[in-house]
């Protein structure tokens, strides 16, 4: 986590060392939930190892995967974290997962310690917004095959670890259509 923060902003060692007392560590087993719908999200996690999936259940009772997060990425129900309202989604480990955790109080402590942390928080929030916007636009502009190619290009080593029904849901297609897309690309 320190390396990610350092890549965003030039922190002094003293500023980075604040993390040593604020980060907690957690392990999730495959299938465990980090967050369930209707809980308030009070932490942001950094994935040291593993994969997390964010999903919601639609009016038909189908699970719809809206996000995957991989090693060296952050994950949270950001809307719930910011608004302090109940989450609309669930966050589940798809593999055994090792996390570094910053809870709300720890993040506020970092923000209070200086403008470098405030600027870093702003930049990370902007990055999450841009990623969400790109995902929304991809559903309007790209085919399912193009969305899969993008995922394959950026996260190839993880795709074998994600069950096909979750990948298909994420891409907005059926598992059968996903099989055809994968054959055409590979």
C-alpha atoms as a PDB file:
ATOM      1  CA  UNK A   1       0.000   0.000   0.000  1.00  0.00           C
ATOM      2  CA  UNK A   2       2.835   2.359   0.809  1.00  0.00           C
ATOM      3  CA  UNK A   3       4.264   1.980  -2.701  1.00  0.00           C
ATOM      4  CA  UNK A   4       0.912   2.922  -4.250  1.00  0.00           C
ATOM      5  CA  UNK A   5       0.628   6.011  -2.073  1.00  0.00           C
ATOM      6  CA  UNK A   6       4.230   6.967  -2.822  1.00  0.00           C
ATOM      7  CA  UNK A   7       3.539   6.676  -6.576  1.00  0.00           C
ATOM      8  CA  UNK A   8       0.678   9.171  -6.239  1.00  0.00           C
ATOM      9  CA  UNK A   9       2.409  11.710  -4.057  1.00  0.00           C
ATOM     10  CA  UNK A  10       5.964  12.240  -2.828  1.00  0.00           C
ATOM     11  CA  UNK A  11       5.586  11.418   0.857  1.00  0.00           C
ATOM     12  CA  UNK A  12       8.264  11.798   3.472  1.00  0.00           C
ATOM     13  CA  UNK A  13       9.164   8.639   5.367  1.00  0.00           C
ATOM     14  CA  UNK A  14       7.517  10.178   8.446  1.00  0.00           C
ATOM     15  CA  UNK A  15       4.238  10.657   6.545  1.00  0.00           C
ATOM     16  CA  UNK A  16       4.321   7.091   5.198  1.00  0.00           C
ATOM     17  CA  UNK A  17       5.170   5.661   8.591  1.00  0.00           C
ATOM     18  CA  UNK A  18       1.822   6.938   9.883  1.00  0.00           C
ATOM     19  CA  UNK A  19       0.333   3.978   8.018  1.00  0.00           C
ATOM     20  CA  UNK A  20       2.180   1.497  10.231  1.00  0.00           C
ATOM     21  CA  UNK A  21      -0.122   2.278  13.154  1.00  0.00           C
ATOM     22  CA  UNK A  22      -3.306   2.754  11.129  1.00  0.00           C
ATOM     23  CA  UNK A  23      -3.390  -0.226   8.760  1.00  0.00           C
ATOM     24  CA  UNK A  24      -4.873  -3.485   9.945  1.00  0.00           C
ATOM     25  CA  UNK A  25      -4.603  -6.802   8.162  1.00  0.00           C
ATOM     26  CA  UNK A  26      -7.327  -9.256   7.297  1.00  0.00           C
ATOM     27  CA  UNK A  27      -7.544 -12.546   5.453  1.00  0.00           C
ATOM     28  CA  UNK A  28     -10.686 -13.697   3.686  1.00  0.00           C
ATOM     29  CA  UNK A  29     -11.211 -17.261   2.582  1.00  0.00           C
ATOM     30  CA  UNK A  30     -12.660 -17.953  -0.840  1.00  0.00           C
ATOM     31  CA  UNK A  31     -16.387 -17.195  -0.631  1.00  0.00           C
ATOM     32  CA  UNK A  32     -16.159 -14.992   2.479  1.00  0.00           C
ATOM     33  CA  UNK A  33     -17.842 -11.598   2.407  1.00  0.00           C
ATOM     34  CA  UNK A  34     -16.044  -8.349   3.114  1.00  0.00           C
ATOM     35  CA  UNK A  35     -19.366  -6.494   3.018  1.00  0.00           C
ATOM     36  CA  UNK A  36     -22.997  -7.456   2.571  1.00  0.00           C
ATOM     37  CA  UNK A  37     -25.841  -5.402   1.207  1.00  0.00           C
ATOM     38  CA  UNK A  38     -27.452  -3.089   3.793  1.00  0.00           C
ATOM     39  CA  UNK A  39     -24.254  -2.775   5.857  1.00  0.00           C
ATOM     40  CA  UNK A  40     -22.541   0.602   5.976  1.00  0.00           C
ATOM     41  CA  UNK A  41     -19.062   0.415   4.468  1.00  0.00           C
ATOM     42  CA  UNK A  42     -16.595   1.819   7.005  1.00  0.00           C
ATOM     43  CA  UNK A  43     -13.320   0.699   5.460  1.00  0.00           C
ATOM     44  CA  UNK A  44     -11.290   0.768   2.300  1.00  0.00           C
ATOM     45  CA  UNK A  45      -9.154  -2.265   1.577  1.00  0.00           C
ATOM     46  CA  UNK A  46      -5.997  -2.754  -0.439  1.00  0.00           C
ATOM     47  CA  UNK A  47      -5.623  -6.203  -1.959  1.00  0.00           C
ATOM     48  CA  UNK A  48      -2.182  -7.693  -1.306  1.00  0.00           C
ATOM     49  CA  UNK A  49      -3.209 -11.061  -2.743  1.00  0.00           C
ATOM     50  CA  UNK A  50      -6.442 -12.349  -4.227  1.00  0.00           C
ATOM     51  CA  UNK A  51      -9.553 -11.174  -6.030  1.00  0.00           C
ATOM     52  CA  UNK A  52     -12.687  -9.453  -4.751  1.00  0.00           C
ATOM     53  CA  UNK A  53     -16.019  -9.223  -6.546  1.00  0.00           C
ATOM     54  CA  UNK A  54     -18.705  -6.602  -6.011  1.00  0.00           C
ATOM     55  CA  UNK A  55     -22.240  -7.648  -6.921  1.00  0.00           C
ATOM     56  CA  UNK A  56     -25.874  -6.904  -6.254  1.00  0.00           C
ATOM     57  CA  UNK A  57     -29.023  -8.981  -6.544  1.00  0.00           C
ATOM     58  CA  UNK A  58     -31.543  -7.625  -9.045  1.00  0.00           C
ATOM     59  CA  UNK A  59     -35.352  -7.708  -8.840  1.00  0.00           C
ATOM     60  CA  UNK A  60     -35.381 -11.205 -10.391  1.00  0.00           C
ATOM     61  CA  UNK A  61     -32.997 -12.561  -7.763  1.00  0.00           C
ATOM     62  CA  UNK A  62     -30.042 -12.762 -10.169  1.00  0.00           C
ATOM     63  CA  UNK A  63     -26.556 -11.838  -8.982  1.00  0.00           C
ATOM     64  CA  UNK A  64     -25.119  -9.074 -11.162  1.00  0.00           C
ATOM     65  CA  UNK A  65     -21.355  -8.599 -10.907  1.00  0.00           C
ATOM     66  CA  UNK A  66     -20.472  -4.923 -11.237  1.00  0.00           C
ATOM     67  CA  UNK A  67     -16.791  -4.910 -10.330  1.00  0.00           C
ATOM     68  CA  UNK A  68     -13.699  -7.031  -9.812  1.00  0.00           C
ATOM     69  CA  UNK A  69     -10.668  -5.852  -7.857  1.00  0.00           C
ATOM     70  CA  UNK A  70      -7.289  -7.533  -8.135  1.00  0.00           C
ATOM     71  CA  UNK A  71      -3.898  -7.471  -6.402  1.00  0.00           C
ATOM     72  CA  UNK A  72      -2.533  -3.972  -5.770  1.00  0.00           C
ATOM     73  CA  UNK A  73      -5.960  -2.367  -6.137  1.00  0.00           C
ATOM     74  CA  UNK A  74      -8.302  -0.726  -3.663  1.00  0.00           C
ATOM     75  CA  UNK A  75     -11.860  -1.882  -3.029  1.00  0.00           C
ATOM     76  CA  UNK A  76     -14.816  -0.613  -1.049  1.00  0.00           C
ATOM     77  CA  UNK A  77     -18.436   0.239  -1.502  1.00  0.00           C
ATOM     78  CA  UNK A  78     -17.323   3.784  -2.226  1.00  0.00           C
ATOM     79  CA  UNK A  79     -20.822   5.280  -2.334  1.00  0.00           C
ATOM     80  CA  UNK A  80     -21.618   3.782   1.073  1.00  0.00           C
ATOM     81  CA  UNK A  81     -18.236   4.819   2.478  1.00  0.00           C
ATOM     82  CA  UNK A  82     -18.689   8.432   1.365  1.00  0.00           C
ATOM     83  CA  UNK A  83     -22.374   8.831   2.291  1.00  0.00           C
ATOM     84  CA  UNK A  84     -22.329   6.589   5.386  1.00  0.00           C
ATOM     85  CA  UNK A  85     -25.513   5.002   4.037  1.00  0.00           C
ATOM     86  CA  UNK A  86     -26.216   1.285   3.647  1.00  0.00           C
ATOM     87  CA  UNK A  87     -24.421  -0.420   0.773  1.00  0.00           C
ATOM     88  CA  UNK A  88     -26.371  -1.524  -2.281  1.00  0.00           C
ATOM     89  CA  UNK A  89     -23.858  -4.262  -3.072  1.00  0.00           C
ATOM     90  CA  UNK A  90     -22.002  -7.219  -1.610  1.00  0.00           C
ATOM     91  CA  UNK A  91     -18.234  -7.661  -1.736  1.00  0.00           C
ATOM     92  CA  UNK A  92     -16.999 -11.256  -1.772  1.00  0.00           C
ATOM     93  CA  UNK A  93     -13.608 -12.961  -2.032  1.00  0.00           C
ATOM     94  CA  UNK A  94     -13.272 -15.111  -5.159  1.00  0.00           C
ATOM     95  CA  UNK A  95      -9.985 -16.574  -3.922  1.00  0.00           C
ATOM     96  CA  UNK A  96      -8.227 -16.654  -0.577  1.00  0.00           C
ATOM     97  CA  UNK A  97      -7.448 -12.967  -0.164  1.00  0.00           C
ATOM     98  CA  UNK A  98      -5.004 -10.954   1.942  1.00  0.00           C
ATOM     99  CA  UNK A  99      -6.011  -7.367   2.673  1.00  0.00           C
ATOM    100  CA  UNK A 100      -4.594  -4.234   4.199  1.00  0.00           C
ATOM    101  CA  UNK A 101      -7.438  -2.261   5.758  1.00  0.00           C
ATOM    102  CA  UNK A 102      -7.913   1.445   6.413  1.00  0.00           C
ATOM    103  CA  UNK A 103     -11.053   2.114   8.407  1.00  0.00           C
ATOM    104  CA  UNK A 104     -12.867   5.446   8.405  1.00  0.00           C
ATOM    105  CA  UNK A 105     -11.172   6.652  11.601  1.00  0.00           C
ATOM    106  CA  UNK A 106      -7.700   5.796  10.252  1.00  0.00           C
ATOM    107  CA  UNK A 107      -8.422   7.623   6.998  1.00  0.00           C
ATOM    108  CA  UNK A 108      -9.615  10.694   8.890  1.00  0.00           C
ATOM    109  CA  UNK A 109      -6.422  10.589  10.964  1.00  0.00           C
ATOM    110  CA  UNK A 110      -4.383  10.597   7.742  1.00  0.00           C
ATOM    111  CA  UNK A 111      -6.387  13.510   6.326  1.00  0.00           C
ATOM    112  CA  UNK A 112      -5.921  15.490   9.533  1.00  0.00           C
ATOM    113  CA  UNK A 113      -2.157  14.924   9.412  1.00  0.00           C
ATOM    114  CA  UNK A 114      -1.620  17.074   6.345  1.00  0.00           C
ATOM    115  CA  UNK A 115      -2.417  18.161   2.841  1.00  0.00           C
ATOM    116  CA  UNK A 116      -0.408  15.379   1.170  1.00  0.00           C
ATOM    117  CA  UNK A 117      -2.875  12.800   2.504  1.00  0.00           C
ATOM    118  CA  UNK A 118      -5.852  14.990   1.594  1.00  0.00           C
ATOM    119  CA  UNK A 119      -4.526  15.364  -1.966  1.00  0.00           C
ATOM    120  CA  UNK A 120      -3.926  11.616  -2.204  1.00  0.00           C
ATOM    121  CA  UNK A 121      -7.482  10.903  -1.062  1.00  0.00           C
ATOM    122  CA  UNK A 122      -8.803  13.306  -3.690  1.00  0.00           C
ATOM    123  CA  UNK A 123      -6.707  11.694  -6.436  1.00  0.00           C
ATOM    124  CA  UNK A 124      -7.821   8.178  -5.478  1.00  0.00           C
ATOM    125  CA  UNK A 125     -11.460   9.319  -5.448  1.00  0.00           C
ATOM    126  CA  UNK A 126     -11.015  10.883  -8.876  1.00  0.00           C
ATOM    127  CA  UNK A 127      -9.463   7.651 -10.166  1.00  0.00           C
ATOM    128  CA  UNK A 128     -12.433   5.633  -8.910  1.00  0.00           C
ATOM    129  CA  UNK A 129     -14.834   8.057 -10.579  1.00  0.00           C
ATOM    130  CA  UNK A 130     -12.952   7.839 -13.895  1.00  0.00           C
ATOM    131  CA  UNK A 131     -12.927   4.020 -13.729  1.00  0.00           C
ATOM    132  CA  UNK A 132     -16.681   3.949 -13.086  1.00  0.00           C
ATOM    133  CA  UNK A 133     -17.293   6.360 -15.951  1.00  0.00           C
ATOM    134  CA  UNK A 134     -15.166   4.252 -18.335  1.00  0.00           C
ATOM    135  CA  UNK A 135     -17.107   1.141 -17.338  1.00  0.00           C
ATOM    136  CA  UNK A 136     -20.456   2.844 -17.991  1.00  0.00           C
ATOM    137  CA  UNK A 137     -19.286   4.125 -21.373  1.00  0.00           C
ATOM    138  CA  UNK A 138     -17.902   0.707 -22.329  1.00  0.00           C
ATOM    139  CA  UNK A 139     -21.430  -0.723 -22.069  1.00  0.00           C
ATOM    140  CA  UNK A 140     -22.665   1.921 -24.479  1.00  0.00           C
ATOM    141  CA  UNK A 141     -19.800   1.873 -26.974  1.00  0.00           C
ATOM    142  CA  UNK A 142     -18.148  -1.542 -26.909  1.00  0.00           C
ATOM    143  CA  UNK A 143     -19.331  -5.034 -27.711  1.00  0.00           C
ATOM    144  CA  UNK A 144     -19.105  -7.782 -25.099  1.00  0.00           C
ATOM    145  CA  UNK A 145     -16.141  -9.188 -27.029  1.00  0.00           C
ATOM    146  CA  UNK A 146     -14.338  -5.844 -26.838  1.00  0.00           C
ATOM    147  CA  UNK A 147     -15.048  -5.566 -23.103  1.00  0.00           C
ATOM    148  CA  UNK A 148     -13.693  -9.101 -22.606  1.00  0.00           C
ATOM    149  CA  UNK A 149     -10.578  -8.282 -24.653  1.00  0.00           C
ATOM    150  CA  UNK A 150      -9.946  -5.258 -22.425  1.00  0.00           C
ATOM    151  CA  UNK A 151     -10.317  -7.380 -19.293  1.00  0.00           C
ATOM    152  CA  UNK A 152      -8.078 -10.064 -20.813  1.00  0.00           C
ATOM    153  CA  UNK A 153      -5.425  -7.505 -21.746  1.00  0.00           C
ATOM    154  CA  UNK A 154      -5.304  -6.003 -18.248  1.00  0.00           C
ATOM    155  CA  UNK A 155      -5.949  -9.026 -16.017  1.00  0.00           C
ATOM    156  CA  UNK A 156      -5.191 -12.184 -18.010  1.00  0.00           C
ATOM    157  CA  UNK A 157      -3.550 -14.056 -15.145  1.00  0.00           C
ATOM    158  CA  UNK A 158      -6.706 -13.753 -13.006  1.00  0.00           C
ATOM    159  CA  UNK A 159      -9.378 -14.732 -15.533  1.00  0.00           C
ATOM    160  CA  UNK A 160      -8.987 -18.488 -14.957  1.00  0.00           C
ATOM    161  CA  UNK A 161      -9.736 -17.883 -11.266  1.00  0.00           C
ATOM    162  CA  UNK A 162     -13.082 -16.180 -11.877  1.00  0.00           C
ATOM    163  CA  UNK A 163     -16.099 -18.453 -12.389  1.00  0.00           C
ATOM    164  CA  UNK A 164     -17.611 -18.052 -15.868  1.00  0.00           C
ATOM    165  CA  UNK A 165     -21.026 -17.000 -14.566  1.00  0.00           C
ATOM    166  CA  UNK A 166     -19.429 -14.047 -12.735  1.00  0.00           C
ATOM    167  CA  UNK A 167     -17.416 -13.012 -15.797  1.00  0.00           C
ATOM    168  CA  UNK A 168     -20.498 -13.281 -18.006  1.00  0.00           C
ATOM    169  CA  UNK A 169     -22.549 -11.212 -15.573  1.00  0.00           C
ATOM    170  CA  UNK A 170     -19.814  -8.568 -15.421  1.00  0.00           C
ATOM    171  CA  UNK A 171     -19.782  -8.376 -19.225  1.00  0.00           C
ATOM    172  CA  UNK A 172     -23.575  -8.310 -19.463  1.00  0.00           C
ATOM    173  CA  UNK A 173     -23.855 -11.555 -21.439  1.00  0.00           C
ATOM    174  CA  UNK A 174     -24.828 -15.167 -20.865  1.00  0.00           C
ATOM    175  CA  UNK A 175     -22.203 -17.793 -19.967  1.00  0.00           C
ATOM    176  CA  UNK A 176     -22.876 -19.460 -23.329  1.00  0.00           C
ATOM    177  CA  UNK A 177     -22.152 -16.215 -25.207  1.00  0.00           C
ATOM    178  CA  UNK A 178     -19.008 -15.758 -23.097  1.00  0.00           C
ATOM    179  CA  UNK A 179     -17.763 -19.191 -24.214  1.00  0.00           C
ATOM    180  CA  UNK A 180     -18.133 -18.124 -27.857  1.00  0.00           C
ATOM    181  CA  UNK A 181     -16.371 -14.806 -27.173  1.00  0.00           C
ATOM    182  CA  UNK A 182     -13.477 -16.560 -25.438  1.00  0.00           C
ATOM    183  CA  UNK A 183     -13.049 -19.058 -28.273  1.00  0.00           C
ATOM    184  CA  UNK A 184     -12.982 -16.254 -30.835  1.00  0.00           C
ATOM    185  CA  UNK A 185     -10.353 -14.285 -28.888  1.00  0.00           C
ATOM    186  CA  UNK A 186      -8.134 -17.156 -27.765  1.00  0.00           C
END
